[in-house]
C-alpha atoms as a PDB file:
ATOM      1  CA  UNK A   1     -28.903 139.338 151.854  1.00  0.00           C
ATOM      2  CA  UNK A   2     -27.726 142.877 152.394  1.00  0.00           C
ATOM      3  CA  UNK A   3     -27.661 145.701 149.941  1.00  0.00           C
ATOM      4  CA  UNK A   4     -24.304 147.468 149.901  1.00  0.00           C
ATOM      5  CA  UNK A   5     -23.834 151.229 149.553  1.00  0.00           C
ATOM      6  CA  UNK A   6     -23.147 150.878 145.838  1.00  0.00           C
ATOM      7  CA  UNK A   7     -26.482 149.107 145.322  1.00  0.00           C
ATOM      8  CA  UNK A   8     -25.069 145.615 144.800  1.00  0.00           C
ATOM      9  CA  UNK A   9     -26.231 142.684 146.873  1.00  0.00           C
ATOM     10  CA  UNK A  10     -23.864 141.078 149.372  1.00  0.00           C
ATOM     11  CA  UNK A  11     -24.277 137.390 150.066  1.00  0.00           C
ATOM     12  CA  UNK A  12     -21.716 137.411 152.866  1.00  0.00           C
ATOM     13  CA  UNK A  13     -22.827 135.191 155.708  1.00  0.00           C
ATOM     14  CA  UNK A  14     -24.914 132.986 153.430  1.00  0.00           C
ATOM     15  CA  UNK A  15     -22.862 129.821 153.415  1.00  0.00           C
ATOM     16  CA  UNK A  16     -19.383 131.167 153.046  1.00  0.00           C
ATOM     17  CA  UNK A  17     -17.068 133.970 152.293  1.00  0.00           C
ATOM     18  CA  UNK A  18     -14.902 134.164 149.248  1.00  0.00           C
ATOM     19  CA  UNK A  19     -16.315 132.737 146.008  1.00  0.00           C
ATOM     20  CA  UNK A  20     -14.697 129.622 144.555  1.00  0.00           C
ATOM     21  CA  UNK A  21     -11.823 130.062 142.076  1.00  0.00           C
ATOM     22  CA  UNK A  22     -13.156 127.072 140.193  1.00  0.00           C
ATOM     23  CA  UNK A  23     -16.959 127.168 140.430  1.00  0.00           C
ATOM     24  CA  UNK A  24     -17.355 124.447 137.791  1.00  0.00           C
ATOM     25  CA  UNK A  25     -15.673 121.102 137.292  1.00  0.00           C
ATOM     26  CA  UNK A  26     -14.799 122.107 133.732  1.00  0.00           C
ATOM     27  CA  UNK A  27     -12.700 125.046 134.961  1.00  0.00           C
ATOM     28  CA  UNK A  28     -10.853 122.833 137.446  1.00  0.00           C
ATOM     29  CA  UNK A  29     -10.306 120.193 134.742  1.00  0.00           C
ATOM     30  CA  UNK A  30      -8.945 122.780 132.298  1.00  0.00           C
ATOM     31  CA  UNK A  31      -6.559 124.181 134.917  1.00  0.00           C
ATOM     32  CA  UNK A  32      -5.257 120.725 135.915  1.00  0.00           C
ATOM     33  CA  UNK A  33      -4.844 119.858 132.227  1.00  0.00           C
ATOM     34  CA  UNK A  34      -2.812 123.055 131.850  1.00  0.00           C
ATOM     35  CA  UNK A  35      -0.595 121.976 134.730  1.00  0.00           C
ATOM     36  CA  UNK A  36      -0.009 118.546 133.168  1.00  0.00           C
ATOM     37  CA  UNK A  37       0.810 120.205 129.820  1.00  0.00           C
ATOM     38  CA  UNK A  38       3.292 122.511 131.588  1.00  0.00           C
ATOM     39  CA  UNK A  39       4.959 119.499 133.239  1.00  0.00           C
ATOM     40  CA  UNK A  40       5.180 117.756 129.876  1.00  0.00           C
ATOM     41  CA  UNK A  41       6.672 120.832 128.184  1.00  0.00           C
ATOM     42  CA  UNK A  42       9.223 121.346 130.978  1.00  0.00           C
ATOM     43  CA  UNK A  43       9.881 117.604 131.291  1.00  0.00           C
ATOM     44  CA  UNK A  44       9.122 117.776 135.013  1.00  0.00           C
ATOM     45  CA  UNK A  45       7.263 115.309 137.179  1.00  0.00           C
ATOM     46  CA  UNK A  46       3.668 116.250 137.998  1.00  0.00           C
ATOM     47  CA  UNK A  47       2.799 116.222 141.680  1.00  0.00           C
ATOM     48  CA  UNK A  48       0.127 117.412 144.083  1.00  0.00           C
ATOM     49  CA  UNK A  49       2.210 120.270 145.526  1.00  0.00           C
ATOM     50  CA  UNK A  50       2.946 121.573 142.032  1.00  0.00           C
ATOM     51  CA  UNK A  51      -0.752 121.403 141.203  1.00  0.00           C
ATOM     52  CA  UNK A  52      -1.539 123.468 144.313  1.00  0.00           C
ATOM     53  CA  UNK A  53       0.930 126.126 143.182  1.00  0.00           C
ATOM     54  CA  UNK A  54      -0.443 126.093 139.630  1.00  0.00           C
ATOM     55  CA  UNK A  55      -4.046 126.312 140.887  1.00  0.00           C
ATOM     56  CA  UNK A  56      -3.038 129.005 143.425  1.00  0.00           C
ATOM     57  CA  UNK A  57      -4.666 127.110 146.300  1.00  0.00           C
ATOM     58  CA  UNK A  58      -3.390 125.570 149.518  1.00  0.00           C
ATOM     59  CA  UNK A  59      -3.522 121.849 150.297  1.00  0.00           C
ATOM     60  CA  UNK A  60      -6.755 122.032 152.281  1.00  0.00           C
ATOM     61  CA  UNK A  61      -8.490 123.863 149.404  1.00  0.00           C
ATOM     62  CA  UNK A  62      -7.099 121.259 146.991  1.00  0.00           C
ATOM     63  CA  UNK A  63      -8.657 118.554 149.180  1.00  0.00           C
ATOM     64  CA  UNK A  64     -11.968 120.470 149.243  1.00  0.00           C
ATOM     65  CA  UNK A  65     -11.973 120.583 145.428  1.00  0.00           C
ATOM     66  CA  UNK A  66     -11.130 116.874 145.403  1.00  0.00           C
ATOM     67  CA  UNK A  67     -14.323 116.232 147.398  1.00  0.00           C
ATOM     68  CA  UNK A  68     -16.351 118.620 145.245  1.00  0.00           C
ATOM     69  CA  UNK A  69     -15.049 117.297 141.893  1.00  0.00           C
ATOM     70  CA  UNK A  70     -13.926 113.729 142.669  1.00  0.00           C
ATOM     71  CA  UNK A  71     -13.919 112.518 139.064  1.00  0.00           C
ATOM     72  CA  UNK A  72     -11.553 115.260 137.881  1.00  0.00           C
ATOM     73  CA  UNK A  73      -9.195 115.192 140.850  1.00  0.00           C
ATOM     74  CA  UNK A  74      -9.033 111.393 141.143  1.00  0.00           C
ATOM     75  CA  UNK A  75      -8.294 111.250 137.413  1.00  0.00           C
ATOM     76  CA  UNK A  76      -5.539 113.820 137.855  1.00  0.00           C
ATOM     77  CA  UNK A  77      -4.065 111.891 140.783  1.00  0.00           C
ATOM     78  CA  UNK A  78      -4.142 108.660 138.762  1.00  0.00           C
ATOM     79  CA  UNK A  79      -2.046 110.373 136.070  1.00  0.00           C
ATOM     80  CA  UNK A  80       0.384 111.692 138.707  1.00  0.00           C
ATOM     81  CA  UNK A  81       0.681 108.283 140.366  1.00  0.00           C
ATOM     82  CA  UNK A  82       1.237 106.593 136.999  1.00  0.00           C
ATOM     83  CA  UNK A  83       4.039 109.021 136.148  1.00  0.00           C
ATOM     84  CA  UNK A  84       5.777 108.297 139.449  1.00  0.00           C
ATOM     85  CA  UNK A  85       5.297 104.529 139.085  1.00  0.00           C
ATOM     86  CA  UNK A  86       7.117 104.734 135.734  1.00  0.00           C
ATOM     87  CA  UNK A  87      10.149 106.087 137.613  1.00  0.00           C
ATOM     88  CA  UNK A  88      10.371 102.941 139.731  1.00  0.00           C
ATOM     89  CA  UNK A  89      12.044 101.121 136.837  1.00  0.00           C
ATOM     90  CA  UNK A  90      14.889 103.618 136.610  1.00  0.00           C
ATOM     91  CA  UNK A  91      18.392 103.558 138.069  1.00  0.00           C
ATOM     92  CA  UNK A  92      17.429 105.482 141.200  1.00  0.00           C
ATOM     93  CA  UNK A  93      13.850 104.762 142.283  1.00  0.00           C
ATOM     94  CA  UNK A  94      14.315 106.008 145.872  1.00  0.00           C
ATOM     95  CA  UNK A  95      12.710 109.413 145.265  1.00  0.00           C
ATOM     96  CA  UNK A  96       9.750 107.840 143.480  1.00  0.00           C
ATOM     97  CA  UNK A  97       9.259 105.368 146.330  1.00  0.00           C
ATOM     98  CA  UNK A  98       9.351 108.204 148.868  1.00  0.00           C
ATOM     99  CA  UNK A  99       6.843 110.277 146.891  1.00  0.00           C
ATOM    100  CA  UNK A 100       4.439 107.385 146.330  1.00  0.00           C
ATOM    101  CA  UNK A 101       4.514 106.347 149.997  1.00  0.00           C
ATOM    102  CA  UNK A 102       3.736 109.887 151.124  1.00  0.00           C
ATOM    103  CA  UNK A 103       1.440 111.228 148.407  1.00  0.00           C
ATOM    104  CA  UNK A 104      -0.521 107.989 148.006  1.00  0.00           C
ATOM    105  CA  UNK A 105      -0.073 106.494 151.466  1.00  0.00           C
ATOM    106  CA  UNK A 106      -3.355 104.545 151.369  1.00  0.00           C
ATOM    107  CA  UNK A 107      -2.014 102.360 148.552  1.00  0.00           C
ATOM    108  CA  UNK A 108       1.774 102.527 149.011  1.00  0.00           C
ATOM    109  CA  UNK A 109       2.857 101.500 152.477  1.00  0.00           C
ATOM    110  CA  UNK A 110       5.228  98.915 153.877  1.00  0.00           C
ATOM    111  CA  UNK A 111       3.297  97.925 156.959  1.00  0.00           C
ATOM    112  CA  UNK A 112      -0.280  97.373 157.965  1.00  0.00           C
ATOM    113  CA  UNK A 113      -1.431  98.375 161.408  1.00  0.00           C
ATOM    114  CA  UNK A 114      -3.902  96.302 163.390  1.00  0.00           C
ATOM    115  CA  UNK A 115      -5.569  97.583 166.510  1.00  0.00           C
ATOM    116  CA  UNK A 116      -6.725  95.065 169.098  1.00  0.00           C
ATOM    117  CA  UNK A 117      -9.285  95.981 171.723  1.00  0.00           C
ATOM    118  CA  UNK A 118     -10.130  93.946 174.779  1.00  0.00           C
ATOM    119  CA  UNK A 119      -9.219  93.181 178.334  1.00  0.00           C
ATOM    120  CA  UNK A 120      -6.112  91.257 179.313  1.00  0.00           C
ATOM    121  CA  UNK A 121      -6.538  88.680 182.060  1.00  0.00           C
ATOM    122  CA  UNK A 122      -3.455  87.640 184.037  1.00  0.00           C
ATOM    123  CA  UNK A 123      -3.568  84.426 186.049  1.00  0.00           C
ATOM    124  CA  UNK A 124      -0.284  83.449 187.612  1.00  0.00           C
ATOM    125  CA  UNK A 125       2.270  83.533 184.810  1.00  0.00           C
ATOM    126  CA  UNK A 126      -0.326  83.174 181.999  1.00  0.00           C
ATOM    127  CA  UNK A 127      -1.723  86.084 180.012  1.00  0.00           C
ATOM    128  CA  UNK A 128      -4.938  85.784 178.044  1.00  0.00           C
ATOM    129  CA  UNK A 129      -7.534  88.049 176.463  1.00  0.00           C
ATOM    130  CA  UNK A 130     -10.602  87.960 178.698  1.00  0.00           C
ATOM    131  CA  UNK A 131     -12.982  89.698 176.272  1.00  0.00           C
ATOM    132  CA  UNK A 132     -12.861  91.300 172.864  1.00  0.00           C
ATOM    133  CA  UNK A 133     -14.185  94.733 172.030  1.00  0.00           C
ATOM    134  CA  UNK A 134     -15.341  95.964 168.676  1.00  0.00           C
END
């Protein structure tokens, strides 16, 4: 700790720089609730990018808050996902499909990727895996 010229104590260098905009989960919850209320009033679709704008944070800070307050942010994302899923039943679900596949890519994807490790053994015109890795 350093004492500044004005007599106040500076904690700069003690674990970070700028203080958190949302130091408690309750503040983050209230702000996200305000964003959802705004979306409802304006009849607009809630989304992660809009939440970042409303919270005045960038995506990496949003993700940091999501780690810090998982209950609040996962709950918010469940509401957002549910709203977009409701759009799948409409006349033009293409935008909803695009958003779900990109915003919630762990759960909404068309293909599954499998990685194989090992050595390939070639004997004549036959190819076989000689050993498997982990």
